[in-house]
Amino acid sequence: MFELKNKEGSSYHFTLKAKNGQVILSSEVYNSKAAAVNGVASVQKNSAEDGRYERKTAKDGRFFFNLKATNGQVIGSSQMYSSESGMENGINSVKENAPSADTKEV
């Protein structure tokens, strides 16, 4: 499930939640609702392709990933994971959940 949230005024942000309710991907802040909805559509379109995931290691040794659009722009970022396998499980969860996830405004 994508949750679309109004941040402040006309700013919007979305998260993708797994079936257990855990946030598995968060977006940047968009300047309009329409831009955030387009961001959701971009995640749905790009999430199935493994090459769109940028796997990274933070300075503290934890792992995270970014999902990128075809133009290279980051369209979503994960939480921090303590293990590389946890990060890979997060990527697999996005691949599984994003393509057909509904969007709910909260």
N, C-alpha and C. Protein backbone atom coordinates (compact mmCIF):
# COMPACT_ATOMS: atom_id res chain seq x y z
N MET A 1 0.84 -1.17 0.00
CA MET A 1 0.00 0.00 0.00
C MET A 1 0.89 1.24 0.00
N PHE A 2 0.63 2.15 -0.93
CA PHE A 2 1.27 3.45 -0.91
C PHE A 2 0.42 4.36 -0.04
N GLU A 3 1.06 5.10 0.86
CA GLU A 3 0.37 6.10 1.65
C GLU A 3 0.88 7.47 1.22
N LEU A 4 -0.04 8.28 0.72
CA LEU A 4 0.27 9.63 0.25
C LEU A 4 -0.10 10.60 1.36
N LYS A 5 0.88 11.41 1.79
CA LYS A 5 0.66 12.30 2.92
C LYS A 5 0.95 13.74 2.53
N ASN A 6 0.06 14.64 2.99
CA ASN A 6 0.28 16.07 2.84
C ASN A 6 1.22 16.48 3.97
N LYS A 7 2.39 17.04 3.60
CA LYS A 7 3.38 17.42 4.60
C LYS A 7 3.10 18.81 5.16
N GLU A 8 3.16 19.81 4.31
CA GLU A 8 2.91 21.20 4.72
C GLU A 8 2.39 21.94 3.50
N GLY A 9 1.25 22.55 3.62
CA GLY A 9 0.70 23.30 2.49
C GLY A 9 0.47 22.39 1.29
N SER A 10 1.20 22.65 0.22
CA SER A 10 1.02 21.85 -1.00
C SER A 10 2.11 20.79 -1.16
N SER A 11 2.89 20.53 -0.13
CA SER A 11 3.96 19.53 -0.20
C SER A 11 3.42 18.14 0.14
N TYR A 12 3.86 17.15 -0.64
CA TYR A 12 3.42 15.77 -0.44
C TYR A 12 4.61 14.82 -0.39
N HIS A 13 4.38 13.70 0.24
CA HIS A 13 5.39 12.65 0.44
C HIS A 13 4.64 11.33 0.41
N PHE A 14 5.30 10.27 -0.05
CA PHE A 14 4.64 8.97 0.03
C PHE A 14 5.58 7.92 0.60
N THR A 15 4.96 6.90 1.17
CA THR A 15 5.69 5.72 1.64
C THR A 15 5.02 4.49 1.03
N LEU A 16 5.81 3.45 0.87
CA LEU A 16 5.30 2.15 0.46
C LEU A 16 5.41 1.24 1.66
N LYS A 17 4.29 0.63 2.02
CA LYS A 17 4.28 -0.28 3.17
C LYS A 17 4.08 -1.71 2.71
N ALA A 18 4.78 -2.62 3.38
CA ALA A 18 4.60 -4.05 3.13
C ALA A 18 3.27 -4.50 3.74
N LYS A 19 2.91 -5.72 3.46
CA LYS A 19 1.64 -6.25 3.99
C LYS A 19 1.59 -6.23 5.51
N ASN A 20 2.76 -6.30 6.17
CA ASN A 20 2.80 -6.27 7.64
C ASN A 20 2.77 -4.85 8.20
N GLY A 21 2.66 -3.84 7.31
CA GLY A 21 2.57 -2.45 7.74
C GLY A 21 3.90 -1.74 7.87
N GLN A 22 5.00 -2.43 7.67
CA GLN A 22 6.33 -1.82 7.79
C GLN A 22 6.63 -0.98 6.55
N VAL A 23 7.18 0.21 6.76
CA VAL A 23 7.59 1.08 5.65
C VAL A 23 8.81 0.47 4.98
N ILE A 24 8.72 0.25 3.67
CA ILE A 24 9.85 -0.34 2.94
C ILE A 24 10.46 0.62 1.93
N LEU A 25 9.80 1.76 1.67
CA LEU A 25 10.35 2.75 0.76
C LEU A 25 9.70 4.09 1.07
N SER A 26 10.51 5.16 1.06
CA SER A 26 10.02 6.51 1.31
C SER A 26 10.45 7.42 0.17
N SER A 27 9.61 8.36 -0.17
CA SER A 27 9.91 9.29 -1.25
C SER A 27 10.53 10.57 -0.71
N GLU A 28 10.97 11.39 -1.66
CA GLU A 28 11.34 12.76 -1.34
C GLU A 28 10.05 13.54 -1.10
N VAL A 29 10.18 14.81 -0.76
CA VAL A 29 9.02 15.68 -0.64
C VAL A 29 8.78 16.33 -2.00
N TYR A 30 7.55 16.24 -2.46
CA TYR A 30 7.16 16.81 -3.75
C TYR A 30 6.42 18.12 -3.54
N ASN A 31 6.47 19.00 -4.55
CA ASN A 31 5.84 20.31 -4.44
C ASN A 31 4.34 20.29 -4.68
N SER A 32 3.80 19.17 -5.17
CA SER A 32 2.37 19.10 -5.42
C SER A 32 1.90 17.64 -5.28
N LYS A 33 0.60 17.50 -5.10
CA LYS A 33 0.01 16.17 -5.04
C LYS A 33 0.21 15.44 -6.36
N ALA A 34 0.03 16.14 -7.48
CA ALA A 34 0.18 15.52 -8.79
C ALA A 34 1.59 14.97 -8.98
N ALA A 35 2.60 15.71 -8.53
CA ALA A 35 3.98 15.26 -8.66
C ALA A 35 4.21 14.00 -7.80
N ALA A 36 3.63 13.97 -6.61
CA ALA A 36 3.77 12.79 -5.75
C ALA A 36 3.08 11.58 -6.36
N VAL A 37 1.91 11.78 -6.95
CA VAL A 37 1.19 10.69 -7.63
C VAL A 37 2.03 10.17 -8.80
N ASN A 38 2.68 11.07 -9.53
CA ASN A 38 3.59 10.65 -10.60
C ASN A 38 4.77 9.86 -10.05
N GLY A 39 5.24 10.24 -8.86
CA GLY A 39 6.32 9.50 -8.20
C GLY A 39 5.89 8.08 -7.87
N VAL A 40 4.68 7.92 -7.37
CA VAL A 40 4.14 6.58 -7.08
C VAL A 40 4.12 5.75 -8.37
N ALA A 41 3.63 6.35 -9.45
CA ALA A 41 3.56 5.64 -10.74
C ALA A 41 4.96 5.24 -11.21
N SER A 42 5.94 6.09 -10.97
CA SER A 42 7.31 5.78 -11.36
C SER A 42 7.87 4.62 -10.54
N VAL A 43 7.56 4.58 -9.25
CA VAL A 43 7.99 3.45 -8.42
C VAL A 43 7.35 2.16 -8.95
N GLN A 44 6.05 2.22 -9.24
CA GLN A 44 5.36 1.03 -9.74
C GLN A 44 6.00 0.55 -11.05
N LYS A 45 6.36 1.48 -11.91
CA LYS A 45 6.94 1.14 -13.21
C LYS A 45 8.36 0.58 -13.09
N ASN A 46 9.17 1.15 -12.21
CA ASN A 46 10.59 0.81 -12.13
C ASN A 46 10.95 -0.25 -11.11
N SER A 47 10.04 -0.58 -10.20
CA SER A 47 10.38 -1.44 -9.07
C SER A 47 10.71 -2.88 -9.45
N ALA A 48 10.21 -3.37 -10.56
CA ALA A 48 10.44 -4.77 -10.92
C ALA A 48 11.84 -5.01 -11.49
N GLU A 49 12.52 -3.94 -11.92
CA GLU A 49 13.80 -4.09 -12.60
C GLU A 49 14.97 -3.95 -11.61
N ASP A 50 15.71 -5.03 -11.41
CA ASP A 50 16.79 -5.05 -10.42
C ASP A 50 17.84 -3.98 -10.67
N GLY A 51 18.10 -3.66 -11.92
CA GLY A 51 19.10 -2.66 -12.25
C GLY A 51 18.76 -1.25 -11.80
N ARG A 52 17.53 -1.02 -11.38
CA ARG A 52 17.10 0.30 -10.91
C ARG A 52 17.44 0.53 -9.44
N TYR A 53 17.92 -0.53 -8.75
CA TYR A 53 18.24 -0.41 -7.33
C TYR A 53 19.72 -0.11 -7.14
N GLU A 54 19.97 0.96 -6.41
CA GLU A 54 21.33 1.34 -6.06
C GLU A 54 21.56 0.89 -4.61
N ARG A 55 22.41 -0.11 -4.45
CA ARG A 55 22.71 -0.65 -3.12
C ARG A 55 23.87 0.14 -2.52
N LYS A 56 23.70 0.58 -1.28
CA LYS A 56 24.68 1.47 -0.66
C LYS A 56 25.00 1.02 0.76
N THR A 57 26.16 1.45 1.23
CA THR A 57 26.57 1.23 2.62
C THR A 57 26.82 2.58 3.25
N ALA A 58 26.18 2.84 4.39
CA ALA A 58 26.35 4.10 5.10
C ALA A 58 27.70 4.10 5.83
N LYS A 59 28.11 5.28 6.29
CA LYS A 59 29.38 5.41 7.00
C LYS A 59 29.44 4.55 8.25
N ASP A 60 28.28 4.30 8.86
CA ASP A 60 28.26 3.48 10.08
C ASP A 60 28.18 1.98 9.79
N GLY A 61 28.26 1.60 8.51
CA GLY A 61 28.28 0.18 8.15
C GLY A 61 26.92 -0.42 7.88
N ARG A 62 25.85 0.35 8.08
CA ARG A 62 24.53 -0.17 7.78
C ARG A 62 24.27 -0.07 6.29
N PHE A 63 23.27 -0.81 5.83
CA PHE A 63 22.96 -0.91 4.40
C PHE A 63 21.63 -0.24 4.10
N PHE A 64 21.52 0.31 2.88
CA PHE A 64 20.26 0.88 2.41
C PHE A 64 20.28 0.86 0.89
N PHE A 65 19.13 1.16 0.30
CA PHE A 65 19.07 1.22 -1.16
C PHE A 65 18.23 2.39 -1.61
N ASN A 66 18.51 2.83 -2.83
CA ASN A 66 17.71 3.83 -3.52
C ASN A 66 17.13 3.16 -4.76
N LEU A 67 15.90 3.50 -5.06
CA LEU A 67 15.27 3.08 -6.32
C LEU A 67 15.34 4.27 -7.26
N LYS A 68 15.87 4.05 -8.45
CA LYS A 68 16.05 5.14 -9.41
C LYS A 68 15.16 4.94 -10.63
N ALA A 69 14.73 6.06 -11.20
CA ALA A 69 13.96 6.06 -12.44
C ALA A 69 14.93 5.88 -13.61
N THR A 70 14.38 5.75 -14.80
CA THR A 70 15.22 5.54 -15.99
C THR A 70 16.16 6.72 -16.23
N ASN A 71 15.81 7.92 -15.75
CA ASN A 71 16.67 9.09 -15.92
C ASN A 71 17.73 9.20 -14.82
N GLY A 72 17.79 8.21 -13.92
CA GLY A 72 18.78 8.21 -12.85
C GLY A 72 18.37 8.94 -11.59
N GLN A 73 17.21 9.56 -11.59
CA GLN A 73 16.74 10.29 -10.41
C GLN A 73 16.24 9.32 -9.35
N VAL A 74 16.60 9.56 -8.10
CA VAL A 74 16.13 8.73 -6.98
C VAL A 74 14.64 9.00 -6.78
N ILE A 75 13.84 7.92 -6.78
CA ILE A 75 12.39 8.07 -6.58
C ILE A 75 11.93 7.47 -5.25
N GLY A 76 12.85 6.79 -4.56
CA GLY A 76 12.53 6.25 -3.25
C GLY A 76 13.77 5.73 -2.58
N SER A 77 13.78 5.80 -1.25
CA SER A 77 14.90 5.31 -0.46
C SER A 77 14.37 4.41 0.65
N SER A 78 15.20 3.44 1.01
CA SER A 78 14.81 2.49 2.05
C SER A 78 15.20 2.99 3.43
N GLN A 79 14.79 2.22 4.41
CA GLN A 79 15.27 2.40 5.77
C GLN A 79 16.70 1.86 5.83
N MET A 80 17.32 1.95 6.99
CA MET A 80 18.67 1.40 7.19
C MET A 80 18.53 -0.05 7.67
N TYR A 81 19.41 -0.90 7.16
CA TYR A 81 19.42 -2.32 7.52
C TYR A 81 20.76 -2.67 8.16
N SER A 82 20.72 -3.57 9.13
CA SER A 82 21.95 -3.98 9.80
C SER A 82 22.75 -5.00 9.00
N SER A 83 22.11 -5.63 8.02
CA SER A 83 22.82 -6.64 7.22
C SER A 83 22.50 -6.45 5.74
N GLU A 84 23.40 -6.94 4.92
CA GLU A 84 23.19 -6.89 3.48
C GLU A 84 22.00 -7.75 3.07
N SER A 85 21.84 -8.88 3.76
CA SER A 85 20.71 -9.76 3.43
C SER A 85 19.38 -9.09 3.78
N GLY A 86 19.36 -8.31 4.85
CA GLY A 86 18.16 -7.56 5.21
C GLY A 86 17.81 -6.55 4.13
N MET A 87 18.84 -5.88 3.59
CA MET A 87 18.62 -4.93 2.51
C MET A 87 18.06 -5.65 1.29
N GLU A 88 18.61 -6.79 0.94
CA GLU A 88 18.13 -7.55 -0.22
C GLU A 88 16.68 -8.00 -0.01
N ASN A 89 16.33 -8.37 1.22
CA ASN A 89 14.94 -8.71 1.53
C ASN A 89 14.03 -7.50 1.33
N GLY A 90 14.53 -6.31 1.69
CA GLY A 90 13.77 -5.08 1.48
C GLY A 90 13.53 -4.81 0.00
N ILE A 91 14.58 -5.01 -0.81
CA ILE A 91 14.45 -4.83 -2.25
C ILE A 91 13.41 -5.81 -2.81
N ASN A 92 13.50 -7.06 -2.38
CA ASN A 92 12.54 -8.06 -2.85
C ASN A 92 11.12 -7.70 -2.44
N SER A 93 10.96 -7.12 -1.27
CA SER A 93 9.63 -6.71 -0.81
C SER A 93 9.09 -5.57 -1.67
N VAL A 94 9.94 -4.62 -2.05
CA VAL A 94 9.49 -3.54 -2.94
C VAL A 94 9.09 -4.12 -4.29
N LYS A 95 9.92 -5.03 -4.82
CA LYS A 95 9.61 -5.66 -6.11
C LYS A 95 8.27 -6.37 -6.06
N GLU A 96 7.98 -7.01 -4.95
CA GLU A 96 6.74 -7.78 -4.79
C GLU A 96 5.53 -6.90 -4.57
N ASN A 97 5.69 -5.86 -3.75
CA ASN A 97 4.54 -5.08 -3.30
C ASN A 97 4.21 -3.88 -4.18
N ALA A 98 5.21 -3.22 -4.76
CA ALA A 98 4.97 -1.94 -5.43
C ALA A 98 4.14 -2.01 -6.70
N PRO A 99 4.40 -2.96 -7.61
CA PRO A 99 3.73 -2.89 -8.92
C PRO A 99 2.20 -2.83 -8.87
N SER A 100 1.60 -3.52 -7.94
CA SER A 100 0.13 -3.56 -7.90
C SER A 100 -0.46 -2.92 -6.65
N ALA A 101 0.36 -2.17 -5.90
CA ALA A 101 -0.11 -1.58 -4.64
C ALA A 101 -1.10 -0.45 -4.90
N ASP A 102 -2.13 -0.41 -4.09
CA ASP A 102 -3.09 0.70 -4.12
C ASP A 102 -2.47 1.91 -3.44
N THR A 103 -3.05 3.08 -3.70
CA THR A 103 -2.60 4.31 -3.05
C THR A 103 -3.72 4.85 -2.20
N LYS A 104 -3.39 5.21 -0.96
CA LYS A 104 -4.36 5.77 -0.01
C LYS A 104 -3.82 7.09 0.49
N GLU A 105 -4.64 8.11 0.46
CA GLU A 105 -4.24 9.40 1.01
C GLU A 105 -4.55 9.41 2.50
N VAL A 106 -3.55 9.75 3.29
CA VAL A 106 -3.74 9.77 4.76
C VAL A 106 -3.43 11.14 5.32
